[in-house]
Protein backbone atom coordinates (compact mmCIF):
# COMPACT_ATOMS: atom_id res chain seq x y z
CA MET A 1 73.52 88.03 182.00
CA ASN A 2 70.23 89.35 181.92
CA SER A 3 69.82 91.66 178.67
CA SER A 4 67.83 94.46 180.92
CA GLU A 5 71.25 94.61 183.18
CA LYS A 6 73.67 97.20 182.13
CA ILE A 7 77.40 96.97 182.33
CA SER A 8 79.13 99.66 184.27
CA ILE A 9 82.17 101.30 182.79
CA LEU A 10 84.62 103.54 184.67
CA VAL A 11 86.38 106.46 182.63
CA VAL A 12 89.00 108.02 184.26
CA GLY A 13 89.15 111.69 183.19
CA GLY A 14 85.71 111.25 181.70
CA ALA A 15 84.72 115.14 182.01
CA GLY A 16 87.76 116.07 179.86
CA TYR A 17 87.43 116.57 176.04
CA ILE A 18 88.40 113.01 175.05
CA GLY A 19 86.79 111.30 177.97
CA SER A 20 83.51 113.17 177.36
CA HIS A 21 83.52 111.98 173.93
CA THR A 22 84.08 108.49 175.10
CA VAL A 23 81.35 108.68 177.75
CA ASN A 24 79.01 109.85 175.06
CA MET A 25 79.88 106.86 173.02
CA LEU A 26 79.30 104.19 175.85
CA LEU A 27 75.86 106.02 176.51
CA ARG A 28 74.75 105.69 173.06
CA ASN A 29 75.66 101.79 173.23
CA GLY A 30 73.79 101.45 176.52
CA TYR A 31 76.36 101.27 179.07
CA GLN A 32 76.27 102.73 182.88
CA VAL A 33 78.96 105.05 183.04
CA HIS A 34 80.97 106.20 186.03
CA VAL A 35 83.03 109.24 185.58
CA ALA A 36 86.18 109.65 187.89
CA ASP A 37 87.85 113.21 187.32
CA ASN A 38 89.36 115.70 189.66
CA PHE A 39 87.48 118.59 187.61
CA ARG A 40 90.46 120.86 187.50
CA GLU A 41 90.24 121.35 183.80
CA SER A 42 86.56 120.61 183.31
CA ARG A 43 83.16 121.00 185.18
CA LYS A 44 81.08 118.27 186.92
CA ASN A 45 77.93 117.14 185.18
CA ILE A 46 79.12 118.17 181.62
CA ILE A 47 77.07 115.14 180.38
CA SER A 48 73.62 114.89 181.87
CA HIS A 49 72.28 111.54 181.62
CA GLU A 50 70.35 109.07 183.95
CA ASN A 51 73.06 106.39 183.20
CA VAL A 52 76.24 108.49 184.37
CA THR A 53 77.50 109.01 187.73
CA TYR A 54 80.32 111.43 188.77
CA HIS A 55 82.78 110.88 191.33
CA GLU A 56 85.33 113.60 192.24
CA VAL A 57 88.70 111.99 192.78
CA ASP A 58 92.30 112.80 192.11
CA ILE A 59 94.08 109.53 191.14
CA ARG A 60 97.49 111.18 192.31
CA ASN A 61 96.05 111.47 196.02
CA LYS A 62 97.48 108.42 197.74
CA GLU A 63 95.39 109.00 200.86
CA GLY A 64 92.14 108.77 199.09
């Protein structure tokens, strides 16, 4: 892998308390982070960073 390529990591529940701390640690270490969360107990874009992408999903939803 080229040193300029970023590794992408998916953090399920990344907008919550523990998940947001995990996301911050991954960002400090140079990862591209995708956050999957239903945002029921948190808010979208809690971390504003160019290497974070938010996906509003509920993993309990079998249809989608």
